[in-house]
N, C-alpha and C. Protein backbone atom coordinates (compact mmCIF):
# COMPACT_ATOMS: atom_id res chain seq x y z
N MET A 1 -39.88 -26.65 270.28
CA MET A 1 -41.14 -27.34 270.26
C MET A 1 -42.21 -26.42 269.69
N MET A 2 -43.13 -27.00 268.96
CA MET A 2 -44.20 -26.22 268.34
C MET A 2 -45.53 -26.86 268.71
N MET A 3 -46.50 -26.03 269.06
CA MET A 3 -47.84 -26.52 269.35
C MET A 3 -48.83 -25.63 268.62
N MET A 4 -49.87 -26.22 268.10
CA MET A 4 -50.90 -25.45 267.41
C MET A 4 -52.23 -25.72 268.07
N MET A 5 -52.92 -24.64 268.43
CA MET A 5 -54.23 -24.72 269.05
C MET A 5 -55.29 -24.50 267.99
N GLY A 6 -56.31 -25.34 267.98
CA GLY A 6 -57.36 -25.24 266.99
C GLY A 6 -58.31 -24.10 267.23
N ASN A 7 -59.26 -23.94 266.32
CA ASN A 7 -60.22 -22.85 266.45
C ASN A 7 -61.18 -23.07 267.62
N ASP A 8 -61.09 -24.24 268.26
CA ASP A 8 -61.87 -24.51 269.47
C ASP A 8 -61.03 -24.32 270.74
N GLY A 9 -59.76 -23.88 270.59
CA GLY A 9 -58.89 -23.63 271.73
C GLY A 9 -58.15 -24.86 272.24
N LYS A 10 -58.39 -26.02 271.64
CA LYS A 10 -57.73 -27.25 272.06
C LYS A 10 -56.53 -27.54 271.15
N PRO A 11 -55.51 -28.21 271.68
CA PRO A 11 -54.35 -28.55 270.85
C PRO A 11 -54.76 -29.43 269.65
N ILE A 12 -54.11 -29.18 268.52
CA ILE A 12 -54.35 -30.00 267.33
C ILE A 12 -53.70 -31.36 267.55
N ILE A 13 -54.46 -32.40 267.33
CA ILE A 13 -53.94 -33.77 267.43
C ILE A 13 -53.49 -34.17 266.03
N GLU A 14 -52.25 -34.63 265.92
CA GLU A 14 -51.75 -35.03 264.61
C GLU A 14 -52.39 -36.34 264.16
N THR A 15 -52.76 -36.37 262.87
CA THR A 15 -53.33 -37.55 262.23
C THR A 15 -52.62 -37.74 260.89
N ASP A 16 -53.09 -38.66 260.08
CA ASP A 16 -52.50 -38.83 258.75
C ASP A 16 -52.69 -37.57 257.90
N ASP A 17 -53.82 -36.87 258.08
CA ASP A 17 -54.11 -35.67 257.30
C ASP A 17 -53.62 -34.38 257.94
N ARG A 18 -53.51 -34.36 259.26
CA ARG A 18 -53.06 -33.17 259.99
C ARG A 18 -51.74 -33.48 260.66
N ARG A 19 -50.74 -32.68 260.34
CA ARG A 19 -49.43 -32.92 260.93
C ARG A 19 -48.65 -31.61 261.00
N ILE A 20 -47.64 -31.62 261.84
CA ILE A 20 -46.74 -30.48 261.97
C ILE A 20 -45.35 -30.98 261.65
N VAL A 21 -44.73 -30.39 260.63
CA VAL A 21 -43.38 -30.77 260.21
C VAL A 21 -42.44 -29.73 260.82
N ASP A 22 -41.53 -30.20 261.65
CA ASP A 22 -40.64 -29.32 262.40
C ASP A 22 -39.19 -29.65 262.08
N VAL A 23 -38.51 -28.69 261.44
CA VAL A 23 -37.08 -28.78 261.20
C VAL A 23 -36.45 -27.51 261.79
N PRO A 24 -35.15 -27.49 262.02
CA PRO A 24 -34.55 -26.30 262.62
C PRO A 24 -34.91 -25.01 261.87
N TYR A 25 -35.44 -24.05 262.62
CA TYR A 25 -35.80 -22.72 262.12
C TYR A 25 -36.95 -22.73 261.12
N ASN A 26 -37.72 -23.79 261.06
CA ASN A 26 -38.81 -23.85 260.09
C ASN A 26 -39.82 -24.90 260.54
N THR A 27 -41.01 -24.46 260.83
CA THR A 27 -42.08 -25.38 261.22
C THR A 27 -43.30 -25.07 260.37
N LYS A 28 -43.90 -26.13 259.82
CA LYS A 28 -45.05 -25.95 258.95
C LYS A 28 -46.19 -26.87 259.37
N PRO A 29 -47.38 -26.31 259.59
CA PRO A 29 -48.55 -27.15 259.84
C PRO A 29 -49.19 -27.52 258.49
N TYR A 30 -49.67 -28.74 258.39
CA TYR A 30 -50.33 -29.22 257.17
C TYR A 30 -51.70 -29.79 257.52
N ASN A 31 -52.65 -29.56 256.64
CA ASN A 31 -53.97 -30.20 256.71
C ASN A 31 -54.28 -30.62 255.28
N ASP A 32 -54.11 -31.90 254.98
CA ASP A 32 -54.26 -32.39 253.61
C ASP A 32 -55.71 -32.52 253.17
N SER A 33 -56.65 -32.52 254.10
CA SER A 33 -58.07 -32.67 253.76
C SER A 33 -58.91 -31.64 254.50
N PRO A 34 -58.70 -30.34 254.24
CA PRO A 34 -59.46 -29.33 254.98
C PRO A 34 -60.92 -29.31 254.56
N THR A 35 -61.78 -28.96 255.50
CA THR A 35 -63.19 -28.74 255.23
C THR A 35 -63.55 -27.35 255.73
N ARG A 36 -64.74 -26.89 255.38
CA ARG A 36 -65.15 -25.54 255.79
C ARG A 36 -65.18 -25.38 257.30
N LYS A 37 -65.44 -26.46 258.03
CA LYS A 37 -65.48 -26.35 259.49
C LYS A 37 -64.09 -26.12 260.09
N ASP A 38 -63.02 -26.30 259.29
CA ASP A 38 -61.67 -26.02 259.77
C ASP A 38 -61.34 -24.53 259.74
N SER A 39 -62.21 -23.71 259.17
CA SER A 39 -61.99 -22.27 259.16
C SER A 39 -62.04 -21.72 260.58
N GLY A 40 -61.23 -20.71 260.84
CA GLY A 40 -61.23 -20.09 262.16
C GLY A 40 -59.87 -19.53 262.51
N THR A 41 -59.72 -19.09 263.74
CA THR A 41 -58.46 -18.54 264.23
C THR A 41 -57.67 -19.64 264.94
N TYR A 42 -56.44 -19.82 264.52
CA TYR A 42 -55.56 -20.81 265.12
C TYR A 42 -54.43 -20.10 265.86
N ARG A 43 -54.02 -20.65 266.96
CA ARG A 43 -52.92 -20.09 267.76
C ARG A 43 -51.72 -21.03 267.65
N ILE A 44 -50.59 -20.48 267.25
CA ILE A 44 -49.36 -21.25 267.10
C ILE A 44 -48.41 -20.81 268.20
N VAL A 45 -47.89 -21.79 268.95
CA VAL A 45 -46.98 -21.49 270.06
C VAL A 45 -45.66 -22.22 269.80
N ALA A 46 -44.58 -21.46 269.77
CA ALA A 46 -43.24 -22.03 269.62
C ALA A 46 -42.47 -21.78 270.91
N SER A 47 -41.80 -22.81 271.41
CA SER A 47 -41.04 -22.63 272.66
C SER A 47 -39.76 -23.46 272.61
N ASN A 48 -38.80 -22.97 273.36
CA ASN A 48 -37.54 -23.70 273.57
C ASN A 48 -37.01 -23.31 274.95
N LYS A 49 -35.80 -23.71 275.26
CA LYS A 49 -35.28 -23.45 276.60
C LYS A 49 -35.06 -21.96 276.89
N TRP A 50 -35.07 -21.10 275.88
CA TRP A 50 -34.87 -19.67 276.07
C TRP A 50 -36.17 -18.87 276.17
N GLY A 51 -37.27 -19.50 275.85
CA GLY A 51 -38.52 -18.76 275.97
C GLY A 51 -39.61 -19.30 275.07
N GLU A 52 -40.62 -18.46 274.88
CA GLU A 52 -41.81 -18.88 274.15
C GLU A 52 -42.34 -17.69 273.37
N ASP A 53 -42.92 -17.95 272.22
CA ASP A 53 -43.57 -16.91 271.44
C ASP A 53 -44.83 -17.52 270.82
N ALA A 54 -45.81 -16.68 270.55
CA ALA A 54 -47.08 -17.16 270.01
C ALA A 54 -47.60 -16.18 268.97
N ALA A 55 -48.40 -16.71 268.07
CA ALA A 55 -49.04 -15.88 267.05
C ALA A 55 -50.39 -16.51 266.71
N GLU A 56 -51.29 -15.68 266.22
CA GLU A 56 -52.58 -16.19 265.77
C GLU A 56 -52.68 -16.00 264.27
N VAL A 57 -53.33 -16.95 263.62
CA VAL A 57 -53.51 -16.87 262.17
C VAL A 57 -54.96 -17.23 261.86
N GLU A 58 -55.55 -16.45 260.97
CA GLU A 58 -56.93 -16.69 260.55
C GLU A 58 -56.89 -17.58 259.31
N VAL A 59 -57.61 -18.69 259.35
CA VAL A 59 -57.67 -19.63 258.24
C VAL A 59 -59.10 -19.64 257.69
N VAL A 60 -59.22 -19.48 256.38
CA VAL A 60 -60.52 -19.55 255.72
C VAL A 60 -60.43 -20.65 254.67
N VAL A 61 -61.23 -21.68 254.84
CA VAL A 61 -61.27 -22.78 253.87
C VAL A 61 -62.43 -22.50 252.93
N ILE A 62 -62.12 -22.35 251.66
CA ILE A 62 -63.14 -22.08 250.66
C ILE A 62 -63.35 -23.36 249.86
N SER A 63 -64.55 -23.88 249.92
CA SER A 63 -64.88 -25.09 249.18
C SER A 63 -66.38 -25.15 248.95
N LYS A 64 -66.80 -26.17 248.26
CA LYS A 64 -68.22 -26.36 247.99
C LYS A 64 -68.94 -26.61 249.32
N PRO A 65 -70.02 -25.90 249.57
CA PRO A 65 -70.76 -26.12 250.83
C PRO A 65 -71.53 -27.43 250.79
N SER A 66 -71.95 -27.85 251.95
CA SER A 66 -72.82 -29.02 252.01
C SER A 66 -74.21 -28.62 251.48
N ALA A 67 -75.09 -29.59 251.37
CA ALA A 67 -76.44 -29.32 250.85
C ALA A 67 -77.18 -28.36 251.76
N PRO A 68 -78.03 -27.50 251.18
CA PRO A 68 -78.81 -26.58 252.00
C PRO A 68 -79.81 -27.34 252.87
N GLU A 69 -80.17 -26.73 253.96
CA GLU A 69 -81.16 -27.31 254.87
C GLU A 69 -82.56 -26.97 254.35
N GLY A 70 -83.47 -27.85 254.58
CA GLY A 70 -84.85 -27.66 254.13
C GLY A 70 -85.68 -26.99 255.21
N PRO A 71 -86.90 -26.79 254.96
CA PRO A 71 -87.59 -27.18 253.74
C PRO A 71 -87.37 -26.17 252.62
N LEU A 72 -87.57 -26.63 251.39
CA LEU A 72 -87.53 -25.75 250.23
C LEU A 72 -88.90 -25.09 250.11
N VAL A 73 -88.91 -23.76 250.11
CA VAL A 73 -90.16 -23.01 250.03
C VAL A 73 -90.25 -22.37 248.65
N VAL A 74 -91.30 -22.69 247.93
CA VAL A 74 -91.54 -22.14 246.60
C VAL A 74 -92.65 -21.10 246.70
N SER A 75 -92.39 -19.90 246.16
CA SER A 75 -93.40 -18.84 246.21
C SER A 75 -93.34 -18.01 244.94
N ASN A 76 -94.26 -17.07 244.82
CA ASN A 76 -94.30 -16.15 243.68
C ASN A 76 -94.22 -16.90 242.35
N ILE A 77 -95.03 -17.92 242.21
CA ILE A 77 -94.99 -18.77 241.01
C ILE A 77 -95.65 -18.03 239.85
N LYS A 78 -94.89 -17.93 238.75
CA LYS A 78 -95.38 -17.28 237.52
C LYS A 78 -95.01 -18.19 236.36
N LYS A 79 -95.51 -17.87 235.17
CA LYS A 79 -95.24 -18.74 234.02
C LYS A 79 -93.77 -18.76 233.62
N ASP A 80 -93.02 -17.71 233.95
CA ASP A 80 -91.61 -17.68 233.56
C ASP A 80 -90.65 -17.84 234.74
N GLY A 81 -91.12 -18.23 235.91
CA GLY A 81 -90.21 -18.45 237.04
C GLY A 81 -90.93 -18.48 238.38
N CYS A 82 -90.13 -18.60 239.42
CA CYS A 82 -90.65 -18.60 240.78
C CYS A 82 -89.53 -18.20 241.73
N LYS A 83 -89.88 -18.03 243.00
CA LYS A 83 -88.89 -17.69 244.02
C LYS A 83 -88.69 -18.92 244.90
N LEU A 84 -87.42 -19.28 245.12
CA LEU A 84 -87.06 -20.41 245.97
C LEU A 84 -86.35 -19.90 247.21
N LYS A 85 -86.64 -20.49 248.36
CA LYS A 85 -86.00 -20.09 249.61
C LYS A 85 -85.72 -21.33 250.45
N TRP A 86 -84.52 -21.37 251.07
CA TRP A 86 -84.12 -22.48 251.94
C TRP A 86 -83.16 -21.97 252.98
N LYS A 87 -82.85 -22.79 253.96
CA LYS A 87 -81.92 -22.42 255.03
C LYS A 87 -80.49 -22.67 254.59
N GLU A 88 -79.55 -21.94 255.21
CA GLU A 88 -78.13 -22.11 254.90
C GLU A 88 -77.66 -23.52 255.23
N PRO A 89 -76.61 -23.99 254.53
CA PRO A 89 -76.00 -25.28 254.91
C PRO A 89 -75.43 -25.20 256.32
N LEU A 90 -75.37 -26.31 256.99
CA LEU A 90 -74.85 -26.34 258.38
C LEU A 90 -73.40 -25.91 258.45
N ASP A 91 -72.61 -26.15 257.41
CA ASP A 91 -71.18 -25.83 257.47
C ASP A 91 -70.86 -24.41 257.01
N SER A 92 -71.86 -23.54 256.86
CA SER A 92 -71.62 -22.18 256.41
C SER A 92 -71.35 -21.21 257.55
N LYS A 93 -71.47 -21.68 258.77
CA LYS A 93 -71.30 -20.80 259.93
C LYS A 93 -69.92 -20.93 260.51
């Protein structure tokens, strides 16, 4: 048996996009639609009648971030440019 714990410490619930394919001596977790919020440390636990073993894996999803948070602050305005400042996107943390 194989169980995967999410980056929030809760077991991963299988869906159409998230699944665990388990065949003898080979288990693979799949996430067909990852987003940046899926990044984090996952714990994989394999067990059978002889015992249990676990490992942690760090997952980093690299993709286009969501839109930056406002407000947009414009400063240092000159004829050839200006300085723009805004808050990080919510999914960058």
